[in-house]
Amino acid sequence: MTATAPLALTTTFSPPPSCSTDTWYIEYVKGTYYYTTSISNSLEGWFFSQGPTDWSSCFPSGYQATTAFYYSPGVCPSGYSIASSTVLSIGVSSETRATCCPSGFTAQTDDGLVWYSTNRCFSVNTDTNHVWTVTKGGTETSITTSGGLNAKAVFVRWQETDFHTPAMTTTDSGATSTRTSLGPSATGKTSATDQKSDSSQEGSSRAWIAGPVIGAVVACTLIVFAAMWYNRRRWRQKNLNAADSAPPAPGYDIAELDEGPRVFEAPSGKIYSGPFELSSTNNK
């Protein structure tokens, strides 16, 4: 016999309001649940059940109120949250198996209860004076008692690769997140894939912010260097202009000789009459 592949539930199902407001008093006799018939003999048990008698509209297509039925991959319906979950290793991957209950309800663990197979969620009420408005034997009535309200569960399973959260994209007006809400529930619990996607988006956000900051720093640095270069150039040009406009230093003219002719003549008289002779007489 070929196993039937589980149904997928990758979009959030929204049940009608009556699925969370109606309450029924259900009697159980010999494996039969009585919704509209009141049983007075051989009563084996009774319980309060949330939702109408025809609960087919309260759940996604193909739903079965048995513990063996589940959606895979699946997400909790609107108004439901993950009440319990387990993670199993499947080869190199892992699979999360979760019980979705109406928000505020707890997953039932007592498999000895007569409604365990169909109503796996419950909400405890310890007030013995609490007034329940229920439909019993087809008639609406009020019952004052404590006890819990039971509800049907939705079982889902998923693996890390079943749900993908797109990374942040940018538009002309700036960075815009296009993240989808395909997680298993809307209660704040996230899968490992969601966490990895968050890290990726955070890194992208940091990079998007760091880019303009670095650019601004570089631009400011270039402006400072340009200003320094311009001021230095003006200072040098100012010094050159000052040197060009300064009065010339006093010069030293070259002394020139008198250009008039000067003639030097020897005296016309006889100056030299020699030779002279010594006297022959001895002077004593």
C-alpha atoms as a PDB file:
ATOM      1  CA  MET A   1       0.000   0.000   0.000  1.00  0.00           C
ATOM      2  CA  THR A   2       1.390   3.359  -1.043  1.00  0.00           C
ATOM      3  CA  ALA A   3       1.582   5.979   1.702  1.00  0.00           C
ATOM      4  CA  THR A   4      -0.354   9.162   1.018  1.00  0.00           C
ATOM      5  CA  ALA A   5       1.716  12.324   1.041  1.00  0.00           C
ATOM      6  CA  PRO A   6       0.634  14.796   3.751  1.00  0.00           C
ATOM      7  CA  LEU A   7      -1.240  17.920   2.768  1.00  0.00           C
ATOM      8  CA  ALA A   8       0.635  21.211   2.761  1.00  0.00           C
ATOM      9  CA  LEU A   9      -0.553  24.308   4.621  1.00  0.00           C
ATOM     10  CA  THR A  10       1.776  27.160   3.707  1.00  0.00           C
ATOM     11  CA  THR A  11      -0.765  30.004   3.924  1.00  0.00           C
ATOM     12  CA  THR A  12      -2.437  31.205   7.115  1.00  0.00           C
ATOM     13  CA  PHE A  13      -5.991  29.879   7.416  1.00  0.00           C
ATOM     14  CA  SER A  14      -8.527  32.201   9.101  1.00  0.00           C
ATOM     15  CA  PRO A  15     -11.492  30.404  10.755  1.00  0.00           C
ATOM     16  CA  PRO A  16     -14.931  32.069  11.158  1.00  0.00           C
ATOM     17  CA  PRO A  17     -15.670  33.833  14.499  1.00  0.00           C
ATOM     18  CA  SER A  18     -18.158  31.125  15.578  1.00  0.00           C
ATOM     19  CA  CYS A  19     -15.292  28.656  15.806  1.00  0.00           C
ATOM     20  CA  SER A  20     -14.004  30.411  18.926  1.00  0.00           C
ATOM     21  CA  THR A  21     -17.254  31.663  20.492  1.00  0.00           C
ATOM     22  CA  ASP A  22     -19.579  28.652  20.468  1.00  0.00           C
ATOM     23  CA  THR A  23     -19.317  26.139  23.319  1.00  0.00           C
ATOM     24  CA  TRP A  24     -20.923  22.710  23.319  1.00  0.00           C
ATOM     25  CA  TYR A  25     -21.682  20.276  26.113  1.00  0.00           C
ATOM     26  CA  ILE A  26     -20.752  16.910  24.638  1.00  0.00           C
ATOM     27  CA  GLU A  27     -21.648  13.540  26.103  1.00  0.00           C
ATOM     28  CA  TYR A  28     -19.653  10.434  25.424  1.00  0.00           C
ATOM     29  CA  VAL A  29     -21.174   6.936  25.477  1.00  0.00           C
ATOM     30  CA  LYS A  30     -19.496   3.784  24.211  1.00  0.00           C
ATOM     31  CA  GLY A  31     -17.212   5.490  21.756  1.00  0.00           C
ATOM     32  CA  THR A  32     -19.848   7.901  20.493  1.00  0.00           C
ATOM     33  CA  TYR A  33     -19.885  11.648  20.994  1.00  0.00           C
ATOM     34  CA  TYR A  34     -23.336  13.148  21.359  1.00  0.00           C
ATOM     35  CA  TYR A  35     -23.694  16.787  20.469  1.00  0.00           C
ATOM     36  CA  THR A  36     -27.398  17.335  19.979  1.00  0.00           C
ATOM     37  CA  THR A  37     -28.769  14.391  21.911  1.00  0.00           C
ATOM     38  CA  SER A  38     -28.893  14.376  25.693  1.00  0.00           C
ATOM     39  CA  ILE A  39     -28.030  10.989  27.166  1.00  0.00           C
ATOM     40  CA  SER A  40     -29.320  10.259  30.660  1.00  0.00           C
ATOM     41  CA  ASN A  41     -28.450   6.569  30.982  1.00  0.00           C
ATOM     42  CA  SER A  42     -25.010   4.918  30.867  1.00  0.00           C
ATOM     43  CA  LEU A  43     -23.266   8.270  30.818  1.00  0.00           C
ATOM     44  CA  GLU A  44     -19.540   7.580  30.612  1.00  0.00           C
ATOM     45  CA  GLY A  45     -18.323  11.118  30.360  1.00  0.00           C
ATOM     46  CA  TRP A  46     -18.972  14.632  29.185  1.00  0.00           C
ATOM     47  CA  PHE A  47     -16.877  17.669  28.349  1.00  0.00           C
ATOM     48  CA  PHE A  48     -17.085  21.209  27.044  1.00  0.00           C
ATOM     49  CA  SER A  49     -15.947  21.648  23.453  1.00  0.00           C
ATOM     50  CA  GLN A  50     -15.158  24.920  21.707  1.00  0.00           C
ATOM     51  CA  GLY A  51     -16.675  25.438  18.288  1.00  0.00           C
ATOM     52  CA  PRO A  52     -19.870  24.469  16.460  1.00  0.00           C
ATOM     53  CA  THR A  53     -21.040  20.911  15.863  1.00  0.00           C
ATOM     54  CA  ASP A  54     -20.191  21.239  12.202  1.00  0.00           C
ATOM     55  CA  TRP A  55     -16.576  22.229  12.588  1.00  0.00           C
ATOM     56  CA  SER A  56     -15.583  21.519   8.979  1.00  0.00           C
ATOM     57  CA  SER A  57     -15.477  25.264   8.228  1.00  0.00           C
ATOM     58  CA  CYS A  58     -13.237  25.903  11.246  1.00  0.00           C
ATOM     59  CA  PHE A  59     -10.199  24.161   9.793  1.00  0.00           C
ATOM     60  CA  PRO A  60      -8.191  24.089   6.555  1.00  0.00           C
ATOM     61  CA  SER A  61      -9.152  21.863   3.665  1.00  0.00           C
ATOM     62  CA  GLY A  62      -8.675  18.151   4.284  1.00  0.00           C
ATOM     63  CA  TYR A  63      -8.504  18.482   8.082  1.00  0.00           C
ATOM     64  CA  GLN A  64      -9.158  15.378  10.188  1.00  0.00           C
ATOM     65  CA  ALA A  65      -9.647  15.467  13.962  1.00  0.00           C
ATOM     66  CA  THR A  66      -7.240  12.631  14.706  1.00  0.00           C
ATOM     67  CA  THR A  67      -3.773  12.559  16.225  1.00  0.00           C
ATOM     68  CA  ALA A  68      -2.395  10.852  13.121  1.00  0.00           C
ATOM     69  CA  PHE A  69      -3.310  13.701  10.759  1.00  0.00           C
ATOM     70  CA  TYR A  70      -0.906  16.576  10.154  1.00  0.00           C
ATOM     71  CA  TYR A  71       0.027  19.182   7.558  1.00  0.00           C
ATOM     72  CA  SER A  72       3.559  19.198   6.160  1.00  0.00           C
ATOM     73  CA  PRO A  73       4.904  21.682   5.616  1.00  0.00           C
ATOM     74  CA  GLY A  74       2.372  23.521   7.704  1.00  0.00           C
ATOM     75  CA  VAL A  75       1.714  26.741   9.609  1.00  0.00           C
ATOM     76  CA  CYS A  76      -0.723  27.403  12.440  1.00  0.00           C
ATOM     77  CA  PRO A  77      -4.107  28.939  11.532  1.00  0.00           C
ATOM     78  CA  SER A  78      -4.925  32.511  12.494  1.00  0.00           C
ATOM     79  CA  GLY A  79      -5.780  32.738  16.193  1.00  0.00           C
ATOM     80  CA  TYR A  80      -3.686  29.651  16.966  1.00  0.00           C
ATOM     81  CA  SER A  81      -0.200  29.329  18.421  1.00  0.00           C
ATOM     82  CA  ILE A  82       2.293  26.529  19.008  1.00  0.00           C
ATOM     83  CA  ALA A  83       1.365  24.868  22.313  1.00  0.00           C
ATOM     84  CA  SER A  84       4.023  22.146  22.167  1.00  0.00           C
ATOM     85  CA  SER A  85       6.702  20.985  19.747  1.00  0.00           C
ATOM     86  CA  THR A  86       9.509  18.482  19.307  1.00  0.00           C
ATOM     87  CA  VAL A  87      12.473  18.410  16.927  1.00  0.00           C
ATOM     88  CA  LEU A  88      13.561  15.157  15.294  1.00  0.00           C
ATOM     89  CA  SER A  89      16.686  14.471  13.236  1.00  0.00           C
ATOM     90  CA  ILE A  90      16.006  13.178   9.741  1.00  0.00           C
ATOM     91  CA  GLY A  91      19.276  12.368   8.007  1.00  0.00           C
ATOM     92  CA  VAL A  92      21.328  15.536   7.768  1.00  0.00           C
ATOM     93  CA  SER A  93      18.275  17.704   8.351  1.00  0.00           C
ATOM     94  CA  SER A  94      15.806  18.148  11.209  1.00  0.00           C
ATOM     95  CA  GLU A  95      12.025  18.260  11.395  1.00  0.00           C
ATOM     96  CA  THR A  96       9.868  20.187  13.850  1.00  0.00           C
ATOM     97  CA  ARG A  97       6.543  18.647  14.865  1.00  0.00           C
ATOM     98  CA  ALA A  98       4.155  21.040  16.559  1.00  0.00           C
ATOM     99  CA  THR A  99       0.683  21.111  18.081  1.00  0.00           C
ATOM    100  CA  CYS A 100      -1.238  24.287  17.264  1.00  0.00           C
ATOM    101  CA  CYS A 101      -3.905  25.274  19.805  1.00  0.00           C
ATOM    102  CA  PRO A 102      -6.189  28.306  20.077  1.00  0.00           C
ATOM    103  CA  SER A 103      -4.259  31.162  21.688  1.00  0.00           C
ATOM    104  CA  GLY A 104      -4.252  30.749  25.473  1.00  0.00           C
ATOM    105  CA  PHE A 105      -4.877  26.989  25.329  1.00  0.00           C
ATOM    106  CA  THR A 106      -2.483  24.227  26.421  1.00  0.00           C
ATOM    107  CA  ALA A 107      -1.654  20.962  24.670  1.00  0.00           C
ATOM    108  CA  GLN A 108      -3.378  17.965  26.297  1.00  0.00           C
ATOM    109  CA  THR A 109      -1.041  15.184  27.459  1.00  0.00           C
ATOM    110  CA  ASP A 110      -3.443  12.840  29.310  1.00  0.00           C
ATOM    111  CA  ASP A 111      -4.224  10.160  26.737  1.00  0.00           C
ATOM    112  CA  GLY A 112      -6.700   8.491  29.130  1.00  0.00           C
ATOM    113  CA  LEU A 113      -9.349  11.146  28.582  1.00  0.00           C
ATOM    114  CA  VAL A 114     -12.295  10.207  26.385  1.00  0.00           C
ATOM    115  CA  TRP A 115     -11.815  13.308  24.241  1.00  0.00           C
ATOM    116  CA  TYR A 116      -8.025  12.974  23.889  1.00  0.00           C
ATOM    117  CA  SER A 117      -8.127  11.735  20.304  1.00  0.00           C
ATOM    118  CA  THR A 118     -10.311  14.594  19.043  1.00  0.00           C
ATOM    119  CA  ASN A 119      -9.710  17.515  21.416  1.00  0.00           C
ATOM    120  CA  ARG A 120      -6.004  17.882  22.125  1.00  0.00           C
ATOM    121  CA  CYS A 121      -6.165  21.428  23.508  1.00  0.00           C
ATOM    122  CA  PHE A 122      -7.663  22.695  26.752  1.00  0.00           C
ATOM    123  CA  SER A 123      -8.049  25.837  28.825  1.00  0.00           C
ATOM    124  CA  VAL A 124      -8.295  25.351  32.591  1.00  0.00           C
ATOM    125  CA  ASN A 125     -10.917  27.104  34.707  1.00  0.00           C
ATOM    126  CA  THR A 126     -10.694  26.638  38.480  1.00  0.00           C
ATOM    127  CA  ASP A 127     -13.581  28.944  39.385  1.00  0.00           C
ATOM    128  CA  THR A 128     -16.433  26.734  40.659  1.00  0.00           C
ATOM    129  CA  ASN A 129     -18.848  29.634  40.259  1.00  0.00           C
ATOM    130  CA  HIS A 130     -18.030  30.172  36.611  1.00  0.00           C
ATOM    131  CA  VAL A 131     -21.141  30.225  34.438  1.00  0.00           C
ATOM    132  CA  TRP A 132     -20.840  28.438  31.111  1.00  0.00           C
ATOM    133  CA  THR A 133     -23.267  29.133  28.317  1.00  0.00           C
ATOM    134  CA  VAL A 134     -23.340  25.916  26.353  1.00  0.00           C
ATOM    135  CA  THR A 135     -25.458  23.981  23.931  1.00  0.00           C
ATOM    136  CA  LYS A 136     -26.574  20.735  25.546  1.00  0.00           C
ATOM    137  CA  GLY A 137     -28.737  18.240  23.709  1.00  0.00           C
ATOM    138  CA  GLY A 138     -29.391  20.835  21.052  1.00  0.00           C
ATOM    139  CA  THR A 139     -30.593  23.437  23.568  1.00  0.00           C
ATOM    140  CA  GLU A 140     -28.619  26.418  24.828  1.00  0.00           C
ATOM    141  CA  THR A 141     -28.337  26.395  28.591  1.00  0.00           C
ATOM    142  CA  SER A 142     -26.210  27.733  31.432  1.00  0.00           C
ATOM    143  CA  ILE A 143     -24.062  25.536  33.650  1.00  0.00           C
ATOM    144  CA  THR A 144     -22.196  26.711  36.739  1.00  0.00           C
ATOM    145  CA  THR A 145     -19.074  24.664  37.298  1.00  0.00           C
ATOM    146  CA  SER A 146     -15.303  24.652  37.146  1.00  0.00           C
ATOM    147  CA  GLY A 147     -13.415  22.557  34.674  1.00  0.00           C
ATOM    148  CA  GLY A 148     -11.774  23.147  31.359  1.00  0.00           C
ATOM    149  CA  LEU A 149     -12.803  24.061  27.860  1.00  0.00           C
ATOM    150  CA  ASN A 150     -11.488  21.686  25.227  1.00  0.00           C
ATOM    151  CA  ALA A 151     -10.691  22.442  21.599  1.00  0.00           C
ATOM    152  CA  LYS A 152      -9.409  20.677  18.540  1.00  0.00           C
ATOM    153  CA  ALA A 153      -5.759  20.954  17.613  1.00  0.00           C
ATOM    154  CA  VAL A 154      -4.017  21.374  14.283  1.00  0.00           C
ATOM    155  CA  PHE A 155      -0.816  19.359  13.872  1.00  0.00           C
ATOM    156  CA  VAL A 156       1.904  20.710  11.609  1.00  0.00           C
ATOM    157  CA  ARG A 157       5.427  19.710  10.656  1.00  0.00           C
ATOM    158  CA  TRP A 158       8.194  21.522   8.812  1.00  0.00           C
ATOM    159  CA  GLN A 159      11.906  21.450   8.055  1.00  0.00           C
ATOM    160  CA  GLU A 160      14.389  24.306   7.855  1.00  0.00           C
ATOM    161  CA  THR A 161      14.271  24.392   4.066  1.00  0.00           C
ATOM    162  CA  ASP A 162      10.458  24.480   3.850  1.00  0.00           C
ATOM    163  CA  PHE A 163      10.090  28.177   4.587  1.00  0.00           C
ATOM    164  CA  HIS A 164      12.247  30.829   3.000  1.00  0.00           C
ATOM    165  CA  THR A 165      12.309  34.450   4.122  1.00  0.00           C
ATOM    166  CA  PRO A 166      13.485  36.807   1.346  1.00  0.00           C
ATOM    167  CA  ALA A 167      16.404  39.056   2.234  1.00  0.00           C
ATOM    168  CA  MET A 168      16.052  42.815   2.453  1.00  0.00           C
ATOM    169  CA  THR A 169      15.710  44.580  -0.886  1.00  0.00           C
ATOM    170  CA  THR A 170      16.284  48.219  -1.696  1.00  0.00           C
ATOM    171  CA  THR A 171      14.133  50.592  -3.710  1.00  0.00           C
ATOM    172  CA  ASP A 172      14.652  54.144  -4.936  1.00  0.00           C
ATOM    173  CA  SER A 173      13.160  55.467  -1.712  1.00  0.00           C
ATOM    174  CA  GLY A 174      15.513  53.486   0.511  1.00  0.00           C
ATOM    175  CA  ALA A 175      15.768  50.101   2.176  1.00  0.00           C
ATOM    176  CA  THR A 176      12.481  48.220   2.395  1.00  0.00           C
ATOM    177  CA  SER A 177      11.962  44.836   4.020  1.00  0.00           C
ATOM    178  CA  THR A 178      10.019  42.337   1.912  1.00  0.00           C
ATOM    179  CA  ARG A 179       9.994  39.620   4.523  1.00  0.00           C
ATOM    180  CA  THR A 180       7.010  37.272   4.373  1.00  0.00           C
ATOM    181  CA  SER A 181       5.156  35.700   7.306  1.00  0.00           C
ATOM    182  CA  LEU A 182       5.496  32.045   6.353  1.00  0.00           C
ATOM    183  CA  GLY A 183       6.723  31.040   9.809  1.00  0.00           C
ATOM    184  CA  PRO A 184       4.938  28.227  11.657  1.00  0.00           C
ATOM    185  CA  SER A 185       3.046  30.642  13.928  1.00  0.00           C
ATOM    186  CA  ALA A 186       2.560  34.300  14.747  1.00  0.00           C
ATOM    187  CA  THR A 187       3.457  34.033  18.439  1.00  0.00           C
ATOM    188  CA  GLY A 188       7.043  35.223  18.351  1.00  0.00           C
ATOM    189  CA  LYS A 189       8.547  31.736  17.970  1.00  0.00           C
ATOM    190  CA  THR A 190      10.865  31.580  14.989  1.00  0.00           C
ATOM    191  CA  SER A 191      12.541  28.755  13.173  1.00  0.00           C
ATOM    192  CA  ALA A 192      16.265  28.451  12.584  1.00  0.00           C
ATOM    193  CA  THR A 193      15.717  29.677   9.033  1.00  0.00           C
ATOM    194  CA  ASP A 194      14.021  32.831  10.319  1.00  0.00           C
ATOM    195  CA  GLN A 195      16.931  33.459  12.706  1.00  0.00           C
ATOM    196  CA  LYS A 196      19.490  33.031   9.919  1.00  0.00           C
ATOM    197  CA  SER A 197      17.476  35.359   7.733  1.00  0.00           C
ATOM    198  CA  ASP A 198      17.353  37.922  10.566  1.00  0.00           C
ATOM    199  CA  SER A 199      21.158  37.769  10.872  1.00  0.00           C
ATOM    200  CA  SER A 200      21.526  38.207   7.117  1.00  0.00           C
ATOM    201  CA  GLN A 201      19.177  41.194   7.128  1.00  0.00           C
ATOM    202  CA  GLU A 202      20.932  42.721  10.106  1.00  0.00           C
ATOM    203  CA  GLY A 203      24.284  42.334   8.307  1.00  0.00           C
ATOM    204  CA  SER A 204      22.767  43.907   5.188  1.00  0.00           C
ATOM    205  CA  SER A 205      21.411  46.779   7.297  1.00  0.00           C
ATOM    206  CA  ARG A 206      24.841  47.379   8.837  1.00  0.00           C
ATOM    207  CA  ALA A 207      26.455  47.328   5.392  1.00  0.00           C
ATOM    208  CA  TRP A 208      23.802  49.705   4.044  1.00  0.00           C
ATOM    209  CA  ILE A 209      24.464  52.123   6.907  1.00  0.00           C
ATOM    210  CA  ALA A 210      28.275  51.756   6.839  1.00  0.00           C
ATOM    211  CA  GLY A 211      28.503  52.562   3.109  1.00  0.00           C
ATOM    212  CA  PRO A 212      27.269  56.165   3.318  1.00  0.00           C
ATOM    213  CA  VAL A 213      29.214  56.765   6.545  1.00  0.00           C
ATOM    214  CA  ILE A 214      32.496  55.647   4.986  1.00  0.00           C
ATOM    215  CA  GLY A 215      31.726  57.689   1.881  1.00  0.00           C
ATOM    216  CA  ALA A 216      31.075  60.785   3.984  1.00  0.00           C
ATOM    217  CA  VAL A 217      34.345  60.334   5.885  1.00  0.00           C
ATOM    218  CA  VAL A 218      36.320  59.981   2.645  1.00  0.00           C
ATOM    219  CA  ALA A 219      34.602  63.048   1.176  1.00  0.00           C
ATOM    220  CA  CYS A 220      35.389  65.138   4.269  1.00  0.00           C
ATOM    221  CA  THR A 221      39.030  64.028   4.156  1.00  0.00           C
ATOM    222  CA  LEU A 222      39.331  65.042   0.496  1.00  0.00           C
ATOM    223  CA  ILE A 223      37.759  68.428   1.239  1.00  0.00           C
ATOM    224  CA  VAL A 224      40.245  69.060   4.073  1.00  0.00           C
ATOM    225  CA  PHE A 225      43.225  68.161   1.875  1.00  0.00           C
ATOM    226  CA  ALA A 226      41.879  70.339  -0.947  1.00  0.00           C
ATOM    227  CA  ALA A 227      41.478  73.290   1.427  1.00  0.00           C
ATOM    228  CA  MET A 228      45.026  72.840   2.744  1.00  0.00           C
ATOM    229  CA  TRP A 229      46.418  72.670  -0.793  1.00  0.00           C
ATOM    230  CA  TYR A 230      44.454  75.774  -1.832  1.00  0.00           C
ATOM    231  CA  ASN A 231      45.573  77.808   1.200  1.00  0.00           C
ATOM    232  CA  ARG A 232      49.187  76.796   0.687  1.00  0.00           C
ATOM    233  CA  ARG A 233      49.003  77.782  -2.985  1.00  0.00           C
ATOM    234  CA  ARG A 234      47.498  81.174  -2.082  1.00  0.00           C
ATOM    235  CA  TRP A 235      50.249  81.748   0.494  1.00  0.00           C
ATOM    236  CA  ARG A 236      53.002  81.022  -2.036  1.00  0.00           C
ATOM    237  CA  GLN A 237      51.340  83.199  -4.679  1.00  0.00           C
ATOM    238  CA  LYS A 238      51.010  86.048  -2.172  1.00  0.00           C
ATOM    239  CA  ASN A 239      54.739  85.871  -1.367  1.00  0.00           C
ATOM    240  CA  LEU A 240      55.637  85.925  -5.064  1.00  0.00           C
ATOM    241  CA  ASN A 241      53.421  88.953  -5.684  1.00  0.00           C
ATOM    242  CA  ALA A 242      54.984  90.761  -2.709  1.00  0.00           C
ATOM    243  CA  ALA A 243      58.460  90.140  -4.059  1.00  0.00           C
ATOM    244  CA  ASP A 244      57.505  91.485  -7.491  1.00  0.00           C
ATOM    245  CA  SER A 245      55.988  94.705  -6.096  1.00  0.00           C
ATOM    246  CA  ALA A 246      58.825  95.573  -3.626  1.00  0.00           C
ATOM    247  CA  PRO A 247      60.931  98.751  -4.476  1.00  0.00           C
ATOM    248  CA  PRO A 248      64.331  97.975  -6.006  1.00  0.00           C
ATOM    249  CA  ALA A 249      67.378  98.095  -3.753  1.00  0.00           C
ATOM    250  CA  PRO A 250      69.641 101.134  -4.128  1.00  0.00           C
ATOM    251  CA  GLY A 251      72.109 100.565  -6.988  1.00  0.00           C
ATOM    252  CA  TYR A 252      75.768 101.374  -7.255  1.00  0.00           C
ATOM    253  CA  ASP A 253      76.724 103.427 -10.382  1.00  0.00           C
ATOM    254  CA  ILE A 254      80.025 102.721 -12.098  1.00  0.00           C
ATOM    255  CA  ALA A 255      82.474 105.600 -11.723  1.00  0.00           C
ATOM    256  CA  GLU A 256      83.645 106.850 -15.069  1.00  0.00           C
ATOM    257  CA  LEU A 257      86.960 108.551 -15.805  1.00  0.00           C
ATOM    258  CA  ASP A 258      87.109 112.038 -17.202  1.00  0.00           C
ATOM    259  CA  GLU A 259      87.078 111.557 -20.878  1.00  0.00           C
ATOM    260  CA  GLY A 260      88.945 114.866 -21.603  1.00  0.00           C
ATOM    261  CA  PRO A 261      92.519 114.534 -23.118  1.00  0.00           C
ATOM    262  CA  ARG A 262      95.356 115.112 -20.799  1.00  0.00           C
ATOM    263  CA  VAL A 263      98.855 115.823 -22.269  1.00  0.00           C
ATOM    264  CA  PHE A 264     101.907 115.708 -20.122  1.00  0.00           C
ATOM    265  CA  GLU A 265     104.976 117.646 -21.653  1.00  0.00           C
ATOM    266  CA  ALA A 266     108.586 117.681 -20.577  1.00  0.00           C
ATOM    267  CA  PRO A 267     110.075 121.057 -19.538  1.00  0.00           C
ATOM    268  CA  SER A 268     111.650 122.946 -22.355  1.00  0.00           C
ATOM    269  CA  GLY A 269     114.823 124.051 -20.364  1.00  0.00           C
ATOM    270  CA  LYS A 270     118.036 121.992 -20.251  1.00  0.00           C
ATOM    271  CA  ILE A 271     117.917 119.815 -17.295  1.00  0.00           C
ATOM    272  CA  TYR A 272     120.927 117.566 -17.729  1.00  0.00           C
ATOM    273  CA  SER A 273     124.328 119.097 -18.566  1.00  0.00           C
ATOM    274  CA  GLY A 274     126.691 116.215 -17.755  1.00  0.00           C
ATOM    275  CA  PRO A 275     129.039 114.538 -17.766  1.00  0.00           C
ATOM    276  CA  PHE A 276     130.867 115.847 -14.814  1.00  0.00           C
ATOM    277  CA  GLU A 277     134.552 115.272 -14.158  1.00  0.00           C
ATOM    278  CA  LEU A 278     136.210 114.955 -10.832  1.00  0.00           C
ATOM    279  CA  SER A 279     138.896 117.444  -9.877  1.00  0.00           C
ATOM    280  CA  SER A 280     142.459 116.141 -10.059  1.00  0.00           C
ATOM    281  CA  THR A 281     143.483 118.074  -7.000  1.00  0.00           C
ATOM    282  CA  ASN A 282     143.518 116.023  -3.853  1.00  0.00           C
ATOM    283  CA  ASN A 283     141.393 117.402  -1.221  1.00  0.00           C
ATOM    284  CA  LYS A 284     142.708 116.815   2.171  1.00  0.00           C
END
